[in-house]
Amino acid sequence: MNLKTLAAIALMALLSAPAAFAGQDSGAGNRLVFNLMGSDDMYLGMVPDIDGDNLEDEAFCFDVDLVNGKNRQVIGSATDCLSNVEGGGQGGLMLVGTTFFNLPQGTLVTRGLTSVQPVNQVTVTPDGHPITHITGASVDGNAVLSGTGVFAGQEGTVRLSGMVDLSAFTGEGTPIFFDCLFIVDLE
């Protein structure tokens, strides 16, 4: 599959996202597709308990836009937080990703185990931004940690397919560029 085909599939999925936020029901049984897009400087933040000690855990966090694929308008914001970062072989990384999707209808918090690998070929976004790494995660069980508004009490699975540019990232206060698709299937 070429990049144009993948972009067309992603665009079609994103076009269906606004209907899921129309508020006609509580969101149950919906497939939501979120596109996290943009760049932000890393800051230290806290996420819900990861290690089972009932205390929040520290994470590297980034705030980016949620973009509507049809009209490229911002539909909300997201905070993507990365913790337990370890080397994953072949220049890659393994980490725990906790993502806060902030929309007018409520906030949804999800978590997954994420793999990050360097690109093998020159890769750029449709807008021409160079990409250094491909990211991915998938959870077959409940990946929803919490929700407010229409997302309160929801459970569901989450899948991440994304691209990031780590070329300017050197630690706290430096940026990562994100162009990541999250597919959330709420039960």
N, C-alpha and C. Protein backbone atom coordinates (compact mmCIF):
# COMPACT_ATOMS: atom_id res chain seq x y z
N MET A 1 0.85 -1.16 0.00
CA MET A 1 0.00 0.00 0.00
C MET A 1 0.90 1.23 0.00
N ASN A 2 0.63 2.20 -0.87
CA ASN A 2 1.46 3.39 -0.90
C ASN A 2 0.94 4.45 0.06
N LEU A 3 1.74 5.50 0.25
CA LEU A 3 1.41 6.55 1.22
C LEU A 3 0.11 7.26 0.85
N LYS A 4 -0.16 7.46 -0.45
CA LYS A 4 -1.40 8.13 -0.85
C LYS A 4 -2.61 7.29 -0.49
N THR A 5 -2.53 5.97 -0.66
CA THR A 5 -3.63 5.09 -0.29
C THR A 5 -3.86 5.12 1.21
N LEU A 6 -2.77 5.04 1.98
CA LEU A 6 -2.89 5.10 3.44
C LEU A 6 -3.49 6.43 3.89
N ALA A 7 -3.04 7.53 3.26
CA ALA A 7 -3.57 8.84 3.61
C ALA A 7 -5.07 8.92 3.30
N ALA A 8 -5.48 8.34 2.16
CA ALA A 8 -6.90 8.35 1.79
C ALA A 8 -7.73 7.55 2.79
N ILE A 9 -7.23 6.39 3.22
CA ILE A 9 -7.94 5.58 4.22
C ILE A 9 -8.06 6.35 5.53
N ALA A 10 -6.95 6.96 5.96
CA ALA A 10 -6.97 7.74 7.21
C ALA A 10 -7.93 8.91 7.11
N LEU A 11 -7.94 9.59 5.95
CA LEU A 11 -8.84 10.72 5.76
C LEU A 11 -10.30 10.29 5.84
N MET A 12 -10.63 9.16 5.20
CA MET A 12 -12.02 8.67 5.26
C MET A 12 -12.42 8.34 6.69
N ALA A 13 -11.50 7.75 7.45
CA ALA A 13 -11.81 7.43 8.84
C ALA A 13 -12.02 8.70 9.64
N LEU A 14 -11.19 9.70 9.38
CA LEU A 14 -11.33 10.96 10.11
C LEU A 14 -12.62 11.69 9.77
N LEU A 15 -13.07 11.54 8.54
CA LEU A 15 -14.31 12.21 8.14
C LEU A 15 -15.49 11.72 8.94
N SER A 16 -15.42 10.50 9.44
CA SER A 16 -16.53 9.96 10.23
C SER A 16 -16.46 10.39 11.69
N ALA A 17 -15.35 10.93 12.15
CA ALA A 17 -15.18 11.28 13.56
C ALA A 17 -16.16 12.34 14.04
N PRO A 18 -16.42 13.44 13.30
CA PRO A 18 -17.34 14.45 13.84
C PRO A 18 -18.72 13.89 14.17
N ALA A 19 -19.22 12.91 13.42
CA ALA A 19 -20.52 12.33 13.72
C ALA A 19 -20.52 11.65 15.08
N ALA A 20 -19.40 11.08 15.47
CA ALA A 20 -19.31 10.41 16.76
C ALA A 20 -19.40 11.41 17.91
N PHE A 21 -19.09 12.67 17.63
CA PHE A 21 -19.10 13.69 18.68
C PHE A 21 -20.38 14.51 18.67
N ALA A 22 -21.36 14.14 17.86
CA ALA A 22 -22.57 14.95 17.70
C ALA A 22 -23.44 14.96 18.94
N GLY A 23 -23.21 14.05 19.89
CA GLY A 23 -23.94 14.06 21.13
C GLY A 23 -25.28 13.36 21.08
N GLN A 24 -25.59 12.59 20.04
CA GLN A 24 -26.87 11.91 19.97
C GLN A 24 -26.99 10.79 20.98
N ASP A 25 -25.86 10.21 21.41
CA ASP A 25 -25.90 9.18 22.44
C ASP A 25 -24.68 9.33 23.33
N SER A 26 -24.48 8.39 24.22
CA SER A 26 -23.40 8.50 25.18
C SER A 26 -22.04 8.16 24.60
N GLY A 27 -21.97 7.76 23.32
CA GLY A 27 -20.71 7.40 22.71
C GLY A 27 -20.48 5.90 22.71
N ALA A 28 -21.36 5.12 23.32
CA ALA A 28 -21.17 3.67 23.39
C ALA A 28 -21.24 3.06 22.00
N GLY A 29 -20.37 2.10 21.73
CA GLY A 29 -20.36 1.41 20.46
C GLY A 29 -19.78 2.23 19.33
N ASN A 30 -19.09 3.29 19.61
CA ASN A 30 -18.54 4.17 18.58
C ASN A 30 -17.09 3.85 18.27
N ARG A 31 -16.73 4.02 17.00
CA ARG A 31 -15.33 4.02 16.60
C ARG A 31 -14.94 5.47 16.43
N LEU A 32 -13.96 5.89 17.19
CA LEU A 32 -13.46 7.26 17.13
C LEU A 32 -12.06 7.24 16.54
N VAL A 33 -11.79 8.17 15.63
CA VAL A 33 -10.46 8.27 15.04
C VAL A 33 -9.94 9.67 15.34
N PHE A 34 -8.86 9.71 16.09
CA PHE A 34 -8.25 10.97 16.49
C PHE A 34 -6.91 11.13 15.78
N ASN A 35 -6.66 12.31 15.21
CA ASN A 35 -5.37 12.62 14.60
C ASN A 35 -4.67 13.65 15.49
N LEU A 36 -3.63 13.19 16.18
CA LEU A 36 -2.81 14.09 16.99
C LEU A 36 -1.76 14.67 16.07
N MET A 37 -1.74 16.00 16.00
CA MET A 37 -0.86 16.62 15.02
C MET A 37 -0.25 17.89 15.59
N GLY A 38 1.05 18.01 15.42
CA GLY A 38 1.72 19.23 15.82
C GLY A 38 2.99 18.94 16.59
N SER A 39 3.57 20.00 17.10
CA SER A 39 4.83 19.91 17.81
C SER A 39 4.71 20.64 19.13
N ASP A 40 5.35 20.10 20.16
CA ASP A 40 5.35 20.77 21.45
C ASP A 40 6.62 20.39 22.20
N ASP A 41 7.03 21.28 23.08
CA ASP A 41 8.18 21.01 23.93
C ASP A 41 7.79 20.08 25.06
N MET A 42 8.67 19.16 25.39
CA MET A 42 8.43 18.20 26.46
C MET A 42 8.45 18.88 27.82
N TYR A 43 7.53 18.47 28.69
CA TYR A 43 7.53 18.90 30.08
C TYR A 43 7.21 17.68 30.94
N LEU A 44 7.65 17.72 32.19
CA LEU A 44 7.35 16.62 33.11
C LEU A 44 5.93 16.78 33.63
N GLY A 45 5.16 15.71 33.55
CA GLY A 45 3.79 15.71 34.05
C GLY A 45 3.53 14.44 34.83
N MET A 46 2.31 14.32 35.32
CA MET A 46 1.92 13.15 36.10
C MET A 46 0.77 12.45 35.37
N VAL A 47 0.81 11.11 35.42
CA VAL A 47 -0.23 10.28 34.78
C VAL A 47 -0.78 9.32 35.83
N PRO A 48 -1.98 8.77 35.57
CA PRO A 48 -2.52 7.76 36.50
C PRO A 48 -1.54 6.61 36.71
N ASP A 49 -1.64 5.99 37.87
CA ASP A 49 -0.74 4.93 38.32
C ASP A 49 -0.41 3.91 37.23
N ILE A 50 0.89 3.65 37.05
CA ILE A 50 1.36 2.64 36.11
C ILE A 50 1.86 1.40 36.84
N ASP A 51 2.57 1.61 37.96
CA ASP A 51 3.30 0.51 38.61
C ASP A 51 2.56 -0.17 39.76
N GLY A 52 1.29 0.16 39.97
CA GLY A 52 0.48 -0.53 40.96
C GLY A 52 0.62 -0.06 42.39
N ASP A 53 1.27 1.09 42.61
CA ASP A 53 1.43 1.59 43.98
C ASP A 53 0.33 2.60 44.37
N ASN A 54 -0.68 2.77 43.52
CA ASN A 54 -1.80 3.69 43.74
C ASN A 54 -1.39 5.15 43.79
N LEU A 55 -0.21 5.47 43.26
CA LEU A 55 0.26 6.85 43.17
C LEU A 55 0.46 7.22 41.70
N GLU A 56 0.22 8.49 41.38
CA GLU A 56 0.49 8.93 40.02
C GLU A 56 1.97 8.76 39.70
N ASP A 57 2.28 8.59 38.43
CA ASP A 57 3.66 8.40 37.99
C ASP A 57 4.09 9.54 37.08
N GLU A 58 5.39 9.82 37.08
CA GLU A 58 5.96 10.88 36.26
C GLU A 58 6.05 10.43 34.81
N ALA A 59 5.85 11.38 33.90
CA ALA A 59 5.91 11.07 32.47
C ALA A 59 6.41 12.30 31.72
N PHE A 60 6.92 12.07 30.51
CA PHE A 60 7.30 13.13 29.60
C PHE A 60 6.08 13.46 28.76
N CYS A 61 5.57 14.69 28.86
CA CYS A 61 4.29 15.04 28.23
C CYS A 61 4.45 16.10 27.15
N PHE A 62 3.53 16.04 26.18
CA PHE A 62 3.49 16.96 25.05
C PHE A 62 2.03 17.30 24.78
N ASP A 63 1.74 18.58 24.53
CA ASP A 63 0.39 19.02 24.19
C ASP A 63 0.32 19.30 22.70
N VAL A 64 -0.62 18.66 22.00
CA VAL A 64 -0.77 18.85 20.56
C VAL A 64 -2.25 18.97 20.21
N ASP A 65 -2.52 19.32 18.97
CA ASP A 65 -3.90 19.49 18.49
C ASP A 65 -4.51 18.17 18.06
N LEU A 66 -5.84 18.08 18.19
CA LEU A 66 -6.64 17.05 17.54
C LEU A 66 -7.25 17.71 16.31
N VAL A 67 -6.98 17.15 15.13
CA VAL A 67 -7.35 17.80 13.89
C VAL A 67 -8.42 17.00 13.16
N ASN A 68 -9.44 17.70 12.64
CA ASN A 68 -10.48 17.10 11.81
C ASN A 68 -9.88 16.87 10.42
N GLY A 69 -9.89 15.63 9.95
CA GLY A 69 -9.29 15.30 8.67
C GLY A 69 -10.01 15.90 7.47
N LYS A 70 -11.31 16.18 7.61
CA LYS A 70 -12.07 16.70 6.47
C LYS A 70 -11.71 18.15 6.18
N ASN A 71 -11.70 18.97 7.21
CA ASN A 71 -11.47 20.40 6.98
C ASN A 71 -10.20 20.91 7.64
N ARG A 72 -9.44 20.01 8.24
CA ARG A 72 -8.17 20.32 8.90
C ARG A 72 -8.32 21.37 10.00
N GLN A 73 -9.52 21.39 10.59
CA GLN A 73 -9.78 22.29 11.72
C GLN A 73 -9.50 21.55 13.02
N VAL A 74 -9.05 22.28 14.00
CA VAL A 74 -8.80 21.71 15.32
C VAL A 74 -10.15 21.40 15.98
N ILE A 75 -10.31 20.15 16.48
CA ILE A 75 -11.56 19.76 17.14
C ILE A 75 -11.36 19.58 18.64
N GLY A 76 -10.13 19.72 19.12
CA GLY A 76 -9.81 19.57 20.53
C GLY A 76 -8.31 19.59 20.70
N SER A 77 -7.87 19.10 21.84
CA SER A 77 -6.43 19.02 22.11
C SER A 77 -6.13 17.66 22.73
N ALA A 78 -4.87 17.33 22.74
CA ALA A 78 -4.44 16.07 23.35
C ALA A 78 -3.16 16.32 24.13
N THR A 79 -3.02 15.58 25.21
CA THR A 79 -1.76 15.53 25.94
C THR A 79 -1.28 14.10 25.85
N ASP A 80 -0.13 13.91 25.20
CA ASP A 80 0.46 12.59 25.03
C ASP A 80 1.63 12.49 26.00
N CYS A 81 1.57 11.52 26.91
CA CYS A 81 2.57 11.37 27.96
C CYS A 81 3.28 10.02 27.82
N LEU A 82 4.60 10.06 27.87
CA LEU A 82 5.44 8.89 27.64
C LEU A 82 6.19 8.55 28.92
N SER A 83 6.10 7.29 29.36
CA SER A 83 6.80 6.87 30.57
C SER A 83 7.41 5.50 30.37
N ASN A 84 8.23 5.10 31.34
CA ASN A 84 8.90 3.79 31.30
C ASN A 84 9.61 3.58 29.97
N VAL A 85 10.31 4.61 29.50
CA VAL A 85 11.00 4.56 28.21
C VAL A 85 12.26 3.72 28.34
N GLU A 86 12.38 2.71 27.46
CA GLU A 86 13.53 1.81 27.45
C GLU A 86 13.95 1.54 26.02
N GLY A 87 15.21 1.17 25.84
CA GLY A 87 15.68 0.75 24.53
C GLY A 87 14.96 -0.51 24.09
N GLY A 88 14.65 -0.58 22.78
CA GLY A 88 13.91 -1.72 22.28
C GLY A 88 14.62 -2.49 21.20
N GLY A 89 15.89 -2.25 21.01
CA GLY A 89 16.63 -2.96 19.97
C GLY A 89 16.52 -2.28 18.62
N GLN A 90 17.54 -2.46 17.81
CA GLN A 90 17.61 -1.88 16.47
C GLN A 90 17.33 -0.39 16.47
N GLY A 91 17.80 0.32 17.51
CA GLY A 91 17.62 1.76 17.59
C GLY A 91 16.25 2.21 18.02
N GLY A 92 15.38 1.26 18.38
CA GLY A 92 14.02 1.59 18.75
C GLY A 92 13.84 1.79 20.24
N LEU A 93 12.62 2.12 20.61
CA LEU A 93 12.25 2.34 22.01
C LEU A 93 10.96 1.59 22.33
N MET A 94 10.80 1.26 23.61
CA MET A 94 9.55 0.74 24.14
C MET A 94 9.13 1.71 25.24
N LEU A 95 7.82 1.97 25.35
CA LEU A 95 7.37 2.90 26.38
C LEU A 95 5.90 2.66 26.69
N VAL A 96 5.46 3.27 27.78
CA VAL A 96 4.04 3.29 28.13
C VAL A 96 3.51 4.65 27.71
N GLY A 97 2.49 4.64 26.85
CA GLY A 97 1.87 5.88 26.39
C GLY A 97 0.53 6.09 27.06
N THR A 98 0.37 7.24 27.71
CA THR A 98 -0.91 7.64 28.30
C THR A 98 -1.36 8.88 27.56
N THR A 99 -2.55 8.83 26.97
CA THR A 99 -3.01 9.94 26.14
C THR A 99 -4.33 10.47 26.66
N PHE A 100 -4.39 11.80 26.80
CA PHE A 100 -5.58 12.52 27.25
C PHE A 100 -6.17 13.20 26.02
N PHE A 101 -7.36 12.76 25.57
CA PHE A 101 -8.06 13.37 24.45
C PHE A 101 -9.07 14.36 25.03
N ASN A 102 -8.87 15.64 24.79
CA ASN A 102 -9.70 16.70 25.37
C ASN A 102 -10.59 17.30 24.29
N LEU A 103 -11.90 17.05 24.41
CA LEU A 103 -12.88 17.53 23.45
C LEU A 103 -13.98 18.28 24.17
N PRO A 104 -14.75 19.10 23.48
CA PRO A 104 -15.85 19.80 24.14
C PRO A 104 -16.84 18.85 24.81
N GLN A 105 -16.98 17.61 24.30
CA GLN A 105 -17.93 16.66 24.85
C GLN A 105 -17.38 15.91 26.06
N GLY A 106 -16.10 16.08 26.38
CA GLY A 106 -15.49 15.42 27.52
C GLY A 106 -14.05 15.04 27.25
N THR A 107 -13.43 14.44 28.25
CA THR A 107 -12.04 13.99 28.15
C THR A 107 -12.01 12.47 28.26
N LEU A 108 -11.19 11.84 27.41
CA LEU A 108 -10.99 10.41 27.41
C LEU A 108 -9.51 10.15 27.65
N VAL A 109 -9.19 9.29 28.62
CA VAL A 109 -7.80 8.97 28.94
C VAL A 109 -7.56 7.50 28.62
N THR A 110 -6.53 7.23 27.78
CA THR A 110 -6.22 5.87 27.37
C THR A 110 -4.75 5.56 27.64
N ARG A 111 -4.44 4.26 27.61
CA ARG A 111 -3.04 3.84 27.82
C ARG A 111 -2.73 2.62 26.97
N GLY A 112 -1.48 2.58 26.47
CA GLY A 112 -1.02 1.42 25.70
C GLY A 112 0.48 1.28 25.75
N LEU A 113 0.95 0.10 25.42
CA LEU A 113 2.38 -0.17 25.30
C LEU A 113 2.78 0.17 23.87
N THR A 114 3.73 1.08 23.73
CA THR A 114 4.08 1.64 22.43
C THR A 114 5.47 1.24 21.99
N SER A 115 5.60 0.93 20.71
CA SER A 115 6.90 0.68 20.09
C SER A 115 7.23 1.87 19.20
N VAL A 116 8.50 2.27 19.20
CA VAL A 116 8.98 3.38 18.38
C VAL A 116 10.22 2.89 17.65
N GLN A 117 10.21 2.96 16.32
CA GLN A 117 11.32 2.47 15.51
C GLN A 117 11.76 3.54 14.52
N PRO A 118 13.06 3.64 14.26
CA PRO A 118 13.52 4.56 13.21
C PRO A 118 12.95 4.15 11.85
N VAL A 119 12.73 5.13 11.00
CA VAL A 119 12.26 4.84 9.65
C VAL A 119 13.38 4.17 8.87
N ASN A 120 13.01 3.29 7.95
CA ASN A 120 13.99 2.63 7.09
C ASN A 120 14.15 3.33 5.76
N GLN A 121 13.19 4.16 5.40
CA GLN A 121 13.25 4.93 4.17
C GLN A 121 12.94 6.38 4.50
N VAL A 122 13.34 7.28 3.63
CA VAL A 122 13.01 8.69 3.81
C VAL A 122 11.49 8.79 3.89
N THR A 123 11.00 9.40 4.96
CA THR A 123 9.56 9.48 5.20
C THR A 123 9.20 10.92 5.54
N VAL A 124 8.14 11.43 4.91
CA VAL A 124 7.65 12.78 5.20
C VAL A 124 6.13 12.70 5.32
N THR A 125 5.54 13.65 6.05
CA THR A 125 4.09 13.73 6.16
C THR A 125 3.53 14.26 4.84
N PRO A 126 2.22 14.17 4.63
CA PRO A 126 1.64 14.77 3.42
C PRO A 126 1.92 16.27 3.30
N ASP A 127 2.18 16.93 4.45
CA ASP A 127 2.52 18.36 4.44
C ASP A 127 4.02 18.59 4.26
N GLY A 128 4.80 17.51 4.12
CA GLY A 128 6.23 17.66 3.86
C GLY A 128 7.13 17.70 5.08
N HIS A 129 6.59 17.40 6.27
CA HIS A 129 7.43 17.40 7.47
C HIS A 129 8.23 16.10 7.53
N PRO A 130 9.54 16.17 7.67
CA PRO A 130 10.34 14.94 7.74
C PRO A 130 10.04 14.15 9.01
N ILE A 131 10.06 12.83 8.88
CA ILE A 131 9.76 11.92 9.98
C ILE A 131 10.99 11.07 10.26
N THR A 132 11.30 10.89 11.54
CA THR A 132 12.46 10.07 11.91
C THR A 132 12.05 8.71 12.44
N HIS A 133 10.83 8.60 13.00
CA HIS A 133 10.41 7.35 13.65
C HIS A 133 8.94 7.05 13.36
N ILE A 134 8.62 5.77 13.34
CA ILE A 134 7.26 5.27 13.22
C ILE A 134 6.86 4.70 14.58
N THR A 135 5.63 4.97 15.01
CA THR A 135 5.16 4.48 16.30
C THR A 135 3.94 3.58 16.10
N GLY A 136 3.75 2.68 17.05
CA GLY A 136 2.58 1.82 16.99
C GLY A 136 2.27 1.20 18.33
N ALA A 137 0.99 0.95 18.55
CA ALA A 137 0.53 0.27 19.76
C ALA A 137 -0.85 -0.29 19.48
N SER A 138 -1.19 -1.36 20.18
CA SER A 138 -2.53 -1.93 20.07
C SER A 138 -2.83 -2.69 21.36
N VAL A 139 -4.06 -2.55 21.82
CA VAL A 139 -4.51 -3.22 23.03
C VAL A 139 -5.79 -3.98 22.70
N ASP A 140 -5.84 -5.28 23.04
CA ASP A 140 -7.06 -6.03 22.76
C ASP A 140 -8.02 -6.04 23.94
N GLY A 141 -7.56 -5.58 25.09
CA GLY A 141 -8.44 -5.44 26.26
C GLY A 141 -8.78 -3.98 26.46
N ASN A 142 -9.41 -3.66 27.56
CA ASN A 142 -9.79 -2.29 27.85
C ASN A 142 -8.54 -1.42 28.01
N ALA A 143 -8.45 -0.35 27.24
CA ALA A 143 -7.34 0.59 27.31
C ALA A 143 -7.77 1.95 27.83
N VAL A 144 -9.05 2.08 28.20
CA VAL A 144 -9.57 3.35 28.70
C VAL A 144 -9.36 3.40 30.21
N LEU A 145 -8.63 4.42 30.66
CA LEU A 145 -8.39 4.59 32.09
C LEU A 145 -9.51 5.36 32.76
N SER A 146 -10.03 6.39 32.07
CA SER A 146 -11.10 7.21 32.64
C SER A 146 -11.70 8.09 31.55
N GLY A 147 -12.82 8.70 31.90
CA GLY A 147 -13.46 9.62 30.98
C GLY A 147 -14.40 10.56 31.72
N THR A 148 -14.66 11.71 31.10
CA THR A 148 -15.64 12.66 31.61
C THR A 148 -16.63 12.95 30.49
N GLY A 149 -17.74 13.61 30.82
CA GLY A 149 -18.74 13.95 29.81
C GLY A 149 -19.27 12.69 29.15
N VAL A 150 -19.36 12.68 27.81
CA VAL A 150 -19.89 11.52 27.09
C VAL A 150 -18.98 10.30 27.22
N PHE A 151 -17.75 10.48 27.70
CA PHE A 151 -16.81 9.37 27.85
C PHE A 151 -16.82 8.76 29.26
N ALA A 152 -17.62 9.31 30.17
CA ALA A 152 -17.67 8.79 31.54
C ALA A 152 -18.13 7.34 31.55
N GLY A 153 -17.41 6.49 32.26
CA GLY A 153 -17.78 5.09 32.41
C GLY A 153 -17.54 4.22 31.19
N GLN A 154 -16.91 4.76 30.16
CA GLN A 154 -16.68 4.00 28.93
C GLN A 154 -15.50 3.04 29.07
N GLU A 155 -15.52 1.97 28.29
CA GLU A 155 -14.41 1.05 28.13
C GLU A 155 -14.20 0.86 26.64
N GLY A 156 -12.99 0.43 26.26
CA GLY A 156 -12.76 0.18 24.85
C GLY A 156 -11.31 -0.13 24.54
N THR A 157 -11.08 -0.47 23.29
CA THR A 157 -9.74 -0.77 22.81
C THR A 157 -9.17 0.45 22.10
N VAL A 158 -7.83 0.47 22.01
CA VAL A 158 -7.16 1.59 21.34
C VAL A 158 -6.04 1.05 20.48
N ARG A 159 -5.90 1.65 19.29
CA ARG A 159 -4.79 1.34 18.40
C ARG A 159 -4.14 2.64 17.96
N LEU A 160 -2.81 2.65 17.95
CA LEU A 160 -2.04 3.82 17.52
C LEU A 160 -1.21 3.45 16.31
N SER A 161 -1.25 4.28 15.30
CA SER A 161 -0.35 4.20 14.16
C SER A 161 0.13 5.62 13.93
N GLY A 162 1.44 5.83 14.03
CA GLY A 162 1.88 7.21 13.95
C GLY A 162 3.26 7.42 13.40
N MET A 163 3.53 8.71 13.20
CA MET A 163 4.83 9.17 12.75
C MET A 163 5.27 10.29 13.68
N VAL A 164 6.54 10.29 14.03
CA VAL A 164 7.09 11.36 14.85
C VAL A 164 8.44 11.79 14.30
N ASP A 165 8.80 13.03 14.61
CA ASP A 165 10.11 13.56 14.26
C ASP A 165 10.83 13.87 15.57
N LEU A 166 11.84 13.07 15.85
CA LEU A 166 12.63 13.25 17.08
C LEU A 166 13.93 14.00 16.83
N SER A 167 14.12 14.59 15.65
CA SER A 167 15.41 15.19 15.30
C SER A 167 15.78 16.37 16.18
N ALA A 168 14.82 17.10 16.73
CA ALA A 168 15.12 18.25 17.59
C ALA A 168 15.00 17.92 19.08
N PHE A 169 14.62 16.67 19.40
CA PHE A 169 14.38 16.30 20.79
C PHE A 169 15.69 15.91 21.47
N THR A 170 16.02 16.63 22.55
CA THR A 170 17.21 16.31 23.35
C THR A 170 16.88 16.18 24.82
N GLY A 171 15.62 16.34 25.19
CA GLY A 171 15.22 16.25 26.59
C GLY A 171 14.22 17.32 26.94
N GLU A 172 14.04 17.55 28.23
CA GLU A 172 13.03 18.50 28.71
C GLU A 172 13.19 19.86 28.04
N GLY A 173 12.06 20.39 27.59
CA GLY A 173 12.06 21.70 26.96
C GLY A 173 12.34 21.68 25.48
N THR A 174 12.51 20.49 24.89
CA THR A 174 12.72 20.41 23.45
C THR A 174 11.55 19.66 22.81
N PRO A 175 11.32 19.88 21.51
CA PRO A 175 10.09 19.39 20.89
C PRO A 175 10.19 18.01 20.25
N ILE A 176 9.01 17.40 20.12
CA ILE A 176 8.77 16.26 19.25
C ILE A 176 7.60 16.67 18.36
N PHE A 177 7.71 16.37 17.07
CA PHE A 177 6.60 16.59 16.13
C PHE A 177 5.80 15.29 16.05
N PHE A 178 4.47 15.39 16.13
CA PHE A 178 3.56 14.25 16.09
C PHE A 178 2.63 14.33 14.90
N ASP A 179 2.41 13.22 14.23
CA ASP A 179 1.31 13.05 13.28
C ASP A 179 0.84 11.61 13.48
N CYS A 180 -0.05 11.43 14.45
CA CYS A 180 -0.43 10.09 14.92
C CYS A 180 -1.94 9.89 14.85
N LEU A 181 -2.33 8.71 14.37
CA LEU A 181 -3.74 8.34 14.34
C LEU A 181 -4.03 7.37 15.46
N PHE A 182 -5.04 7.66 16.25
CA PHE A 182 -5.53 6.76 17.30
C PHE A 182 -6.92 6.31 16.89
N ILE A 183 -7.13 5.00 16.91
CA ILE A 183 -8.46 4.43 16.69
C ILE A 183 -8.96 3.89 18.01
N VAL A 184 -10.05 4.45 18.51
CA VAL A 184 -10.62 4.07 19.79
C VAL A 184 -11.98 3.44 19.52
N ASP A 185 -12.14 2.18 19.89
CA ASP A 185 -13.43 1.49 19.76
C ASP A 185 -14.05 1.41 21.13
N LEU A 186 -15.05 2.25 21.39
CA LEU A 186 -15.74 2.24 22.67
C LEU A 186 -16.85 1.20 22.64
N GLU A 187 -17.03 0.50 23.74
CA GLU A 187 -18.04 -0.56 23.82
C GLU A 187 -19.39 0.03 24.15
